[in-house]
Amino acid sequence: MSNALWVFGYGSLMWRPGFPFAERVAATLPGRRRAFCVYSVHHRGTYQRPGLVLGLAPGGSVRGMAYRIAPADWAQVYAYLLEREQPTETYVEGRRFVRLADSRRVEALVFLSDVHHPQWAGRLSLERQAELIAGATGLSGRNVDYLRDLVEHLGQEGVHDRSMQALLELVEAREAAHA
């Protein structure tokens, strides 16, 4: 199945893909890491009060989910992903090899953070991330809910990301102090 069509998700696509798929497998993408490195002015913030969303920043490796898409569904899935992942074109579409949990190596569509885009936040301290996430709200809801969902769903998949947990604790403490 060398010409199979795969999509790699590392954030909300892991638990809320929103498209039909033929197979769902835990996968690891080398050379990139999960990070709150993109200013959100659409889904989780506004231009006046940006939040932060996940991106695939350079370095490390990231565990996520790979989805095999049936060829008959590819056009519909691809159009959906462009609409979902590219509202402000902060990601660069790419094809990268991922290692599936069953040891297969497949090429998948990924959306990489565009480090040259004005919404690229880069490597921020946990404190600065918490400051941006606390209180931010966009078309898809509160930024803290996105972070909370991430930590919860990563845990359900057996991924315990200490930095994401620490960030959530900082954001919740900040929001409680301003309630």
N, C-alpha and C. Protein backbone atom coordinates (compact mmCIF):
# COMPACT_ATOMS: atom_id res chain seq x y z
N MET A 1 0.84 -1.18 0.00
CA MET A 1 0.00 0.00 0.00
C MET A 1 0.88 1.24 0.00
N SER A 2 1.87 1.28 -0.86
CA SER A 2 2.83 2.37 -0.89
C SER A 2 2.22 3.69 -1.32
N ASN A 3 1.11 3.67 -2.04
CA ASN A 3 0.49 4.91 -2.47
C ASN A 3 -0.70 5.29 -1.58
N ALA A 4 -0.73 4.76 -0.36
CA ALA A 4 -1.82 5.07 0.57
C ALA A 4 -1.76 6.55 0.94
N LEU A 5 -2.91 7.10 1.27
CA LEU A 5 -3.04 8.50 1.62
C LEU A 5 -3.20 8.60 3.13
N TRP A 6 -2.24 9.27 3.79
CA TRP A 6 -2.22 9.38 5.25
C TRP A 6 -2.22 10.84 5.66
N VAL A 7 -2.79 11.10 6.83
CA VAL A 7 -2.78 12.42 7.46
C VAL A 7 -2.25 12.24 8.87
N PHE A 8 -1.35 13.13 9.31
CA PHE A 8 -0.81 13.09 10.67
C PHE A 8 -1.39 14.23 11.49
N GLY A 9 -1.92 13.90 12.68
CA GLY A 9 -2.44 14.90 13.61
C GLY A 9 -1.71 14.84 14.93
N TYR A 10 -1.47 15.97 15.54
CA TYR A 10 -0.71 16.05 16.79
C TYR A 10 -1.44 16.86 17.86
N GLY A 11 -2.56 17.46 17.49
CA GLY A 11 -3.38 18.25 18.42
C GLY A 11 -4.81 17.76 18.35
N SER A 12 -5.74 18.67 18.11
CA SER A 12 -7.15 18.29 18.11
C SER A 12 -7.51 17.28 17.02
N LEU A 13 -6.71 17.18 15.97
CA LEU A 13 -6.97 16.13 14.97
C LEU A 13 -6.85 14.74 15.57
N MET A 14 -6.13 14.62 16.70
CA MET A 14 -5.99 13.31 17.34
C MET A 14 -7.32 12.81 17.88
N TRP A 15 -8.12 13.68 18.46
CA TRP A 15 -9.37 13.25 19.09
C TRP A 15 -10.62 13.76 18.39
N ARG A 16 -10.46 14.68 17.47
CA ARG A 16 -11.60 15.22 16.74
C ARG A 16 -11.20 15.43 15.28
N PRO A 17 -10.97 14.32 14.55
CA PRO A 17 -10.49 14.50 13.18
C PRO A 17 -11.51 15.19 12.28
N GLY A 18 -12.78 14.84 12.40
CA GLY A 18 -13.80 15.51 11.60
C GLY A 18 -13.88 15.05 10.16
N PHE A 19 -13.26 13.94 9.84
CA PHE A 19 -13.29 13.41 8.47
C PHE A 19 -13.32 11.89 8.52
N PRO A 20 -13.81 11.27 7.45
CA PRO A 20 -13.82 9.79 7.42
C PRO A 20 -12.42 9.24 7.21
N PHE A 21 -12.13 8.12 7.85
CA PHE A 21 -10.83 7.48 7.68
C PHE A 21 -11.00 5.98 7.69
N ALA A 22 -10.06 5.30 7.05
CA ALA A 22 -10.09 3.84 6.94
C ALA A 22 -9.30 3.18 8.06
N GLU A 23 -8.34 3.91 8.63
CA GLU A 23 -7.48 3.35 9.67
C GLU A 23 -6.96 4.51 10.52
N ARG A 24 -6.83 4.26 11.82
CA ARG A 24 -6.30 5.24 12.78
C ARG A 24 -5.23 4.53 13.61
N VAL A 25 -3.99 5.06 13.59
CA VAL A 25 -2.86 4.40 14.26
C VAL A 25 -2.00 5.45 14.95
N ALA A 26 -1.59 5.17 16.18
CA ALA A 26 -0.63 6.05 16.86
C ALA A 26 0.64 6.11 16.01
N ALA A 27 1.24 7.32 15.95
CA ALA A 27 2.41 7.51 15.09
C ALA A 27 3.34 8.55 15.70
N THR A 28 4.60 8.49 15.28
CA THR A 28 5.59 9.46 15.73
C THR A 28 6.21 10.14 14.52
N LEU A 29 6.28 11.46 14.59
CA LEU A 29 6.91 12.28 13.56
C LEU A 29 8.25 12.78 14.10
N PRO A 30 9.37 12.37 13.49
CA PRO A 30 10.67 12.86 13.95
C PRO A 30 10.96 14.26 13.39
N GLY A 31 11.79 15.01 14.12
CA GLY A 31 12.25 16.30 13.63
C GLY A 31 11.35 17.47 13.95
N ARG A 32 10.22 17.22 14.57
CA ARG A 32 9.27 18.28 14.96
C ARG A 32 8.76 17.99 16.35
N ARG A 33 8.33 19.05 17.04
CA ARG A 33 7.79 18.90 18.39
C ARG A 33 6.48 19.68 18.50
N ARG A 34 5.60 19.20 19.37
CA ARG A 34 4.33 19.86 19.65
C ARG A 34 4.63 21.08 20.51
N ALA A 35 4.13 22.26 20.11
CA ALA A 35 4.41 23.47 20.87
C ALA A 35 3.32 24.50 20.65
N PHE A 36 3.05 25.29 21.68
CA PHE A 36 2.19 26.47 21.52
C PHE A 36 3.07 27.56 20.97
N CYS A 37 3.15 27.62 19.64
CA CYS A 37 4.11 28.50 18.97
C CYS A 37 3.48 29.36 17.89
N VAL A 38 2.14 29.38 17.82
CA VAL A 38 1.43 30.14 16.80
C VAL A 38 0.40 31.03 17.48
N TYR A 39 0.48 32.34 17.22
CA TYR A 39 -0.54 33.25 17.74
C TYR A 39 -1.86 32.94 17.05
N SER A 40 -2.93 32.81 17.84
CA SER A 40 -4.25 32.52 17.29
C SER A 40 -5.08 33.79 17.26
N VAL A 41 -5.47 34.18 16.06
CA VAL A 41 -6.33 35.36 15.90
C VAL A 41 -7.66 34.96 15.28
N HIS A 42 -7.90 33.64 15.22
CA HIS A 42 -9.11 33.12 14.58
C HIS A 42 -9.83 32.16 15.52
N HIS A 43 -9.27 30.96 15.69
CA HIS A 43 -9.94 29.91 16.47
C HIS A 43 -9.92 30.16 17.98
N ARG A 44 -8.82 30.61 18.54
CA ARG A 44 -8.68 30.70 20.01
C ARG A 44 -8.26 32.08 20.50
N GLY A 45 -8.41 33.08 19.65
CA GLY A 45 -8.09 34.45 20.03
C GLY A 45 -8.60 35.38 18.94
N THR A 46 -8.24 36.64 19.06
CA THR A 46 -8.63 37.65 18.08
C THR A 46 -7.40 38.50 17.76
N TYR A 47 -7.53 39.35 16.76
CA TYR A 47 -6.42 40.25 16.45
C TYR A 47 -6.16 41.19 17.64
N GLN A 48 -7.23 41.58 18.33
CA GLN A 48 -7.07 42.47 19.48
C GLN A 48 -6.49 41.74 20.69
N ARG A 49 -6.83 40.46 20.85
CA ARG A 49 -6.38 39.67 22.01
C ARG A 49 -6.01 38.27 21.53
N PRO A 50 -4.80 38.14 20.95
CA PRO A 50 -4.41 36.83 20.44
C PRO A 50 -4.24 35.79 21.54
N GLY A 51 -4.55 34.56 21.18
CA GLY A 51 -4.25 33.42 22.03
C GLY A 51 -3.10 32.67 21.39
N LEU A 52 -2.95 31.42 21.78
CA LEU A 52 -1.92 30.56 21.19
C LEU A 52 -2.53 29.23 20.80
N VAL A 53 -2.06 28.69 19.70
CA VAL A 53 -2.45 27.34 19.30
C VAL A 53 -1.19 26.53 19.00
N LEU A 54 -1.41 25.24 18.90
CA LEU A 54 -0.30 24.33 18.66
C LEU A 54 0.24 24.46 17.25
N GLY A 55 1.50 24.14 17.16
CA GLY A 55 2.14 24.02 15.87
C GLY A 55 3.18 22.92 15.97
N LEU A 56 3.71 22.54 14.84
CA LEU A 56 4.83 21.61 14.80
C LEU A 56 6.08 22.45 14.62
N ALA A 57 6.74 22.70 15.73
CA ALA A 57 7.96 23.51 15.71
C ALA A 57 9.15 22.62 15.40
N PRO A 58 10.21 23.19 14.83
CA PRO A 58 11.40 22.39 14.54
C PRO A 58 12.03 21.80 15.79
N GLY A 59 12.55 20.58 15.65
CA GLY A 59 13.28 19.93 16.73
C GLY A 59 12.49 18.84 17.41
N GLY A 60 13.20 17.87 17.97
CA GLY A 60 12.57 16.81 18.76
C GLY A 60 11.81 15.81 17.92
N SER A 61 10.78 15.25 18.53
CA SER A 61 9.86 14.35 17.85
C SER A 61 8.51 14.47 18.56
N VAL A 62 7.46 14.10 17.87
CA VAL A 62 6.13 14.25 18.44
C VAL A 62 5.31 13.00 18.17
N ARG A 63 4.61 12.56 19.21
CA ARG A 63 3.70 11.43 19.07
C ARG A 63 2.31 11.98 18.79
N GLY A 64 1.68 11.41 17.80
CA GLY A 64 0.33 11.84 17.41
C GLY A 64 -0.44 10.67 16.85
N MET A 65 -1.32 10.97 15.91
CA MET A 65 -2.17 9.97 15.31
C MET A 65 -2.09 10.08 13.79
N ALA A 66 -1.98 8.93 13.12
CA ALA A 66 -1.99 8.91 11.66
C ALA A 66 -3.30 8.27 11.21
N TYR A 67 -3.87 8.86 10.17
CA TYR A 67 -5.14 8.39 9.61
C TYR A 67 -4.92 8.02 8.15
N ARG A 68 -5.31 6.79 7.81
CA ARG A 68 -5.29 6.38 6.40
C ARG A 68 -6.63 6.74 5.80
N ILE A 69 -6.58 7.43 4.69
CA ILE A 69 -7.79 7.92 4.04
C ILE A 69 -8.05 7.09 2.78
N ALA A 70 -9.28 6.65 2.62
CA ALA A 70 -9.66 5.92 1.41
C ALA A 70 -9.52 6.86 0.21
N PRO A 71 -8.99 6.37 -0.91
CA PRO A 71 -8.84 7.23 -2.09
C PRO A 71 -10.12 7.95 -2.49
N ALA A 72 -11.26 7.29 -2.36
CA ALA A 72 -12.53 7.91 -2.73
C ALA A 72 -12.88 9.11 -1.84
N ASP A 73 -12.32 9.15 -0.62
CA ASP A 73 -12.61 10.24 0.31
C ASP A 73 -11.56 11.34 0.29
N TRP A 74 -10.44 11.12 -0.40
CA TRP A 74 -9.31 12.03 -0.29
C TRP A 74 -9.64 13.47 -0.66
N ALA A 75 -10.31 13.72 -1.76
CA ALA A 75 -10.60 15.10 -2.19
C ALA A 75 -11.40 15.85 -1.13
N GLN A 76 -12.42 15.17 -0.58
CA GLN A 76 -13.26 15.78 0.45
C GLN A 76 -12.45 16.03 1.73
N VAL A 77 -11.65 15.07 2.14
CA VAL A 77 -10.84 15.20 3.36
C VAL A 77 -9.81 16.31 3.19
N TYR A 78 -9.16 16.34 2.06
CA TYR A 78 -8.14 17.36 1.80
C TYR A 78 -8.75 18.77 1.82
N ALA A 79 -9.89 18.95 1.19
CA ALA A 79 -10.56 20.25 1.20
C ALA A 79 -10.94 20.66 2.63
N TYR A 80 -11.45 19.71 3.39
CA TYR A 80 -11.81 19.97 4.80
C TYR A 80 -10.58 20.40 5.60
N LEU A 81 -9.47 19.67 5.42
CA LEU A 81 -8.26 20.00 6.18
C LEU A 81 -7.72 21.37 5.82
N LEU A 82 -7.76 21.74 4.55
CA LEU A 82 -7.30 23.08 4.16
C LEU A 82 -8.15 24.16 4.85
N GLU A 83 -9.44 23.96 4.88
CA GLU A 83 -10.33 24.93 5.53
C GLU A 83 -10.07 24.98 7.03
N ARG A 84 -9.90 23.83 7.64
CA ARG A 84 -9.71 23.76 9.09
C ARG A 84 -8.33 24.26 9.53
N GLU A 85 -7.31 23.85 8.82
CA GLU A 85 -5.93 24.12 9.26
C GLU A 85 -5.34 25.41 8.70
N GLN A 86 -5.97 26.00 7.70
CA GLN A 86 -5.36 27.14 7.05
C GLN A 86 -6.22 28.42 7.05
N PRO A 87 -6.93 28.74 8.14
CA PRO A 87 -7.76 29.95 8.08
C PRO A 87 -6.93 31.22 7.91
N THR A 88 -5.71 31.24 8.43
CA THR A 88 -4.83 32.41 8.26
C THR A 88 -3.49 32.01 7.67
N GLU A 89 -3.41 30.81 7.10
CA GLU A 89 -2.23 30.31 6.40
C GLU A 89 -0.96 30.36 7.25
N THR A 90 -1.10 29.97 8.54
CA THR A 90 0.05 29.96 9.45
C THR A 90 0.83 28.65 9.39
N TYR A 91 0.34 27.70 8.60
CA TYR A 91 0.99 26.41 8.48
C TYR A 91 1.42 26.18 7.04
N VAL A 92 2.45 25.40 6.89
CA VAL A 92 2.95 25.01 5.58
C VAL A 92 2.61 23.54 5.40
N GLU A 93 1.91 23.26 4.33
CA GLU A 93 1.56 21.86 4.02
C GLU A 93 2.82 21.12 3.59
N GLY A 94 2.97 19.91 4.11
CA GLY A 94 4.13 19.12 3.73
C GLY A 94 3.82 17.64 3.77
N ARG A 95 4.73 16.85 3.28
CA ARG A 95 4.64 15.39 3.35
C ARG A 95 5.88 14.95 4.11
N ARG A 96 5.66 14.18 5.19
CA ARG A 96 6.77 13.71 6.01
C ARG A 96 6.53 12.24 6.34
N PHE A 97 7.62 11.51 6.55
CA PHE A 97 7.49 10.13 6.97
C PHE A 97 7.24 10.06 8.47
N VAL A 98 6.28 9.24 8.85
CA VAL A 98 5.97 8.99 10.25
C VAL A 98 6.12 7.49 10.51
N ARG A 99 6.43 7.17 11.76
CA ARG A 99 6.57 5.77 12.17
C ARG A 99 5.29 5.40 12.92
N LEU A 100 4.57 4.42 12.39
CA LEU A 100 3.35 3.97 13.03
C LEU A 100 3.68 3.07 14.22
N ALA A 101 2.75 2.95 15.15
CA ALA A 101 2.95 2.15 16.36
C ALA A 101 3.24 0.68 16.02
N ASP A 102 2.76 0.22 14.88
CA ASP A 102 3.02 -1.17 14.48
C ASP A 102 4.31 -1.31 13.66
N SER A 103 5.15 -0.27 13.67
CA SER A 103 6.47 -0.22 13.03
C SER A 103 6.45 0.09 11.54
N ARG A 104 5.29 0.21 10.92
CA ARG A 104 5.27 0.64 9.52
C ARG A 104 5.76 2.09 9.45
N ARG A 105 6.35 2.43 8.32
CA ARG A 105 6.79 3.80 8.06
C ARG A 105 6.02 4.27 6.83
N VAL A 106 5.25 5.35 7.00
CA VAL A 106 4.40 5.84 5.91
C VAL A 106 4.61 7.34 5.73
N GLU A 107 4.35 7.81 4.52
CA GLU A 107 4.40 9.24 4.25
C GLU A 107 3.01 9.81 4.52
N ALA A 108 2.98 10.93 5.25
CA ALA A 108 1.69 11.52 5.62
C ALA A 108 1.67 13.02 5.32
N LEU A 109 0.48 13.51 5.08
CA LEU A 109 0.26 14.95 4.98
C LEU A 109 0.36 15.53 6.38
N VAL A 110 1.16 16.57 6.55
CA VAL A 110 1.29 17.26 7.83
C VAL A 110 1.20 18.76 7.58
N PHE A 111 0.79 19.49 8.61
CA PHE A 111 0.78 20.94 8.53
C PHE A 111 1.82 21.44 9.52
N LEU A 112 2.93 21.94 8.97
CA LEU A 112 4.07 22.40 9.75
C LEU A 112 3.93 23.90 10.04
N SER A 113 4.42 24.34 11.17
CA SER A 113 4.39 25.76 11.49
C SER A 113 5.28 26.53 10.52
N ASP A 114 4.74 27.62 10.00
CA ASP A 114 5.51 28.49 9.11
C ASP A 114 6.27 29.50 9.96
N VAL A 115 7.56 29.28 10.13
CA VAL A 115 8.36 30.14 11.01
C VAL A 115 8.56 31.54 10.44
N HIS A 116 8.12 31.78 9.22
CA HIS A 116 8.24 33.11 8.60
C HIS A 116 6.92 33.86 8.59
N HIS A 117 5.86 33.24 9.08
CA HIS A 117 4.54 33.88 9.12
C HIS A 117 4.48 34.86 10.29
N PRO A 118 3.77 35.99 10.12
CA PRO A 118 3.67 36.97 11.22
C PRO A 118 3.04 36.40 12.51
N GLN A 119 2.28 35.32 12.41
CA GLN A 119 1.67 34.72 13.60
C GLN A 119 2.59 33.71 14.28
N TRP A 120 3.79 33.49 13.75
CA TRP A 120 4.75 32.60 14.40
C TRP A 120 5.19 33.25 15.70
N ALA A 121 4.97 32.56 16.80
CA ALA A 121 5.34 33.08 18.12
C ALA A 121 6.72 32.60 18.55
N GLY A 122 7.16 31.49 17.97
CA GLY A 122 8.46 30.95 18.33
C GLY A 122 8.45 30.28 19.68
N ARG A 123 9.62 30.21 20.29
CA ARG A 123 9.78 29.53 21.58
C ARG A 123 9.53 30.56 22.69
N LEU A 124 8.39 30.44 23.34
CA LEU A 124 8.01 31.33 24.44
C LEU A 124 8.17 30.62 25.77
N SER A 125 8.46 31.36 26.82
CA SER A 125 8.51 30.76 28.16
C SER A 125 7.12 30.25 28.53
N LEU A 126 7.06 29.31 29.47
CA LEU A 126 5.75 28.82 29.94
C LEU A 126 4.94 29.96 30.51
N GLU A 127 5.58 30.89 31.20
CA GLU A 127 4.87 32.03 31.79
C GLU A 127 4.23 32.90 30.71
N ARG A 128 4.96 33.17 29.63
CA ARG A 128 4.41 33.99 28.54
C ARG A 128 3.29 33.24 27.83
N GLN A 129 3.44 31.93 27.65
CA GLN A 129 2.38 31.14 27.04
C GLN A 129 1.12 31.22 27.89
N ALA A 130 1.27 31.07 29.20
CA ALA A 130 0.13 31.12 30.13
C ALA A 130 -0.55 32.48 30.06
N GLU A 131 0.23 33.53 29.98
CA GLU A 131 -0.31 34.89 29.89
C GLU A 131 -1.17 35.05 28.64
N LEU A 132 -0.71 34.52 27.52
CA LEU A 132 -1.45 34.64 26.26
C LEU A 132 -2.69 33.75 26.23
N ILE A 133 -2.59 32.55 26.78
CA ILE A 133 -3.71 31.60 26.73
C ILE A 133 -4.82 31.99 27.70
N ALA A 134 -4.46 32.43 28.91
CA ALA A 134 -5.47 32.80 29.92
C ALA A 134 -6.32 33.95 29.41
N GLY A 135 -7.62 33.75 29.38
CA GLY A 135 -8.54 34.80 28.99
C GLY A 135 -8.77 34.95 27.50
N ALA A 136 -7.99 34.30 26.65
CA ALA A 136 -8.17 34.43 25.20
C ALA A 136 -9.34 33.57 24.74
N THR A 137 -10.13 34.12 23.82
CA THR A 137 -11.29 33.43 23.26
C THR A 137 -11.39 33.77 21.78
N GLY A 138 -11.73 32.77 20.96
CA GLY A 138 -11.90 32.98 19.53
C GLY A 138 -13.15 32.29 19.04
N LEU A 139 -13.26 32.12 17.73
CA LEU A 139 -14.45 31.52 17.12
C LEU A 139 -14.70 30.09 17.60
N SER A 140 -13.65 29.37 17.98
CA SER A 140 -13.80 27.98 18.44
C SER A 140 -13.86 27.86 19.95
N GLY A 141 -13.90 28.98 20.65
CA GLY A 141 -14.04 28.94 22.10
C GLY A 141 -12.82 29.45 22.85
N ARG A 142 -12.81 29.14 24.15
CA ARG A 142 -11.76 29.62 25.05
C ARG A 142 -10.45 28.88 24.79
N ASN A 143 -9.36 29.62 24.84
CA ASN A 143 -8.04 29.05 24.60
C ASN A 143 -7.70 28.01 25.66
N VAL A 144 -8.06 28.28 26.93
CA VAL A 144 -7.75 27.32 28.00
C VAL A 144 -8.48 25.99 27.78
N ASP A 145 -9.66 26.02 27.20
CA ASP A 145 -10.38 24.77 26.93
C ASP A 145 -9.64 23.93 25.91
N TYR A 146 -9.04 24.57 24.92
CA TYR A 146 -8.22 23.88 23.92
C TYR A 146 -7.03 23.20 24.59
N LEU A 147 -6.36 23.91 25.49
CA LEU A 147 -5.23 23.36 26.22
C LEU A 147 -5.68 22.21 27.13
N ARG A 148 -6.80 22.41 27.83
CA ARG A 148 -7.32 21.37 28.74
C ARG A 148 -7.67 20.11 27.95
N ASP A 149 -8.34 20.29 26.80
CA ASP A 149 -8.68 19.15 25.94
C ASP A 149 -7.41 18.43 25.49
N LEU A 150 -6.40 19.19 25.13
CA LEU A 150 -5.14 18.60 24.69
C LEU A 150 -4.54 17.72 25.78
N VAL A 151 -4.40 18.26 26.98
CA VAL A 151 -3.79 17.51 28.08
C VAL A 151 -4.61 16.26 28.39
N GLU A 152 -5.93 16.41 28.44
CA GLU A 152 -6.81 15.28 28.74
C GLU A 152 -6.70 14.18 27.67
N HIS A 153 -6.77 14.58 26.41
CA HIS A 153 -6.75 13.59 25.33
C HIS A 153 -5.38 12.97 25.13
N LEU A 154 -4.33 13.74 25.34
CA LEU A 154 -2.99 13.15 25.28
C LEU A 154 -2.87 12.06 26.34
N GLY A 155 -3.36 12.34 27.54
CA GLY A 155 -3.34 11.35 28.62
C GLY A 155 -4.10 10.10 28.25
N GLN A 156 -5.25 10.26 27.61
CA GLN A 156 -6.04 9.10 27.19
C GLN A 156 -5.29 8.25 26.16
N GLU A 157 -4.41 8.89 25.40
CA GLU A 157 -3.61 8.17 24.40
C GLU A 157 -2.30 7.66 24.98
N GLY A 158 -2.09 7.86 26.30
CA GLY A 158 -0.88 7.40 26.95
C GLY A 158 0.30 8.34 26.79
N VAL A 159 0.05 9.58 26.35
CA VAL A 159 1.10 10.58 26.19
C VAL A 159 1.02 11.54 27.37
N HIS A 160 2.03 11.54 28.21
CA HIS A 160 2.04 12.42 29.39
C HIS A 160 3.10 13.48 29.16
N ASP A 161 2.64 14.64 28.71
CA ASP A 161 3.52 15.75 28.35
C ASP A 161 3.60 16.68 29.55
N ARG A 162 4.71 16.60 30.29
CA ARG A 162 4.85 17.38 31.52
C ARG A 162 4.79 18.88 31.27
N SER A 163 5.35 19.35 30.16
CA SER A 163 5.32 20.79 29.90
C SER A 163 3.91 21.28 29.61
N MET A 164 3.09 20.48 28.93
CA MET A 164 1.70 20.87 28.66
C MET A 164 0.90 20.86 29.97
N GLN A 165 1.16 19.88 30.83
CA GLN A 165 0.49 19.82 32.13
C GLN A 165 0.88 21.04 32.98
N ALA A 166 2.16 21.37 33.00
CA ALA A 166 2.63 22.54 33.76
C ALA A 166 2.01 23.83 33.20
N LEU A 167 1.91 23.92 31.90
CA LEU A 167 1.29 25.09 31.28
C LEU A 167 -0.17 25.21 31.69
N LEU A 168 -0.89 24.09 31.66
CA LEU A 168 -2.30 24.10 32.07
C LEU A 168 -2.44 24.58 33.51
N GLU A 169 -1.58 24.11 34.40
CA GLU A 169 -1.64 24.53 35.80
C GLU A 169 -1.39 26.03 35.92
N LEU A 170 -0.44 26.57 35.17
CA LEU A 170 -0.18 28.02 35.19
C LEU A 170 -1.38 28.82 34.67
N VAL A 171 -1.99 28.37 33.59
CA VAL A 171 -3.14 29.07 33.01
C VAL A 171 -4.32 29.02 33.98
N GLU A 172 -4.60 27.84 34.54
CA GLU A 172 -5.72 27.73 35.48
C GLU A 172 -5.50 28.61 36.72
N ALA A 173 -4.27 28.69 37.23
CA ALA A 173 -3.97 29.55 38.38
C ALA A 173 -4.17 31.02 38.01
N ARG A 174 -3.73 31.40 36.82
CA ARG A 174 -3.88 32.79 36.34
C ARG A 174 -5.36 33.14 36.19
N GLU A 175 -6.14 32.22 35.61
CA GLU A 175 -7.57 32.50 35.41
C GLU A 175 -8.30 32.53 36.75
N ALA A 176 -7.94 31.68 37.68
CA ALA A 176 -8.57 31.69 39.01
C ALA A 176 -8.28 33.00 39.74
N ALA A 177 -7.08 33.52 39.57
CA ALA A 177 -6.70 34.79 40.23
C ALA A 177 -7.46 35.98 39.66
N HIS A 178 -7.92 35.86 38.41
CA HIS A 178 -8.63 36.98 37.76
C HIS A 178 -10.13 36.75 37.69
N ALA A 179 -10.61 35.71 38.39
CA ALA A 179 -12.06 35.40 38.34
C ALA A 179 -12.84 36.28 39.30
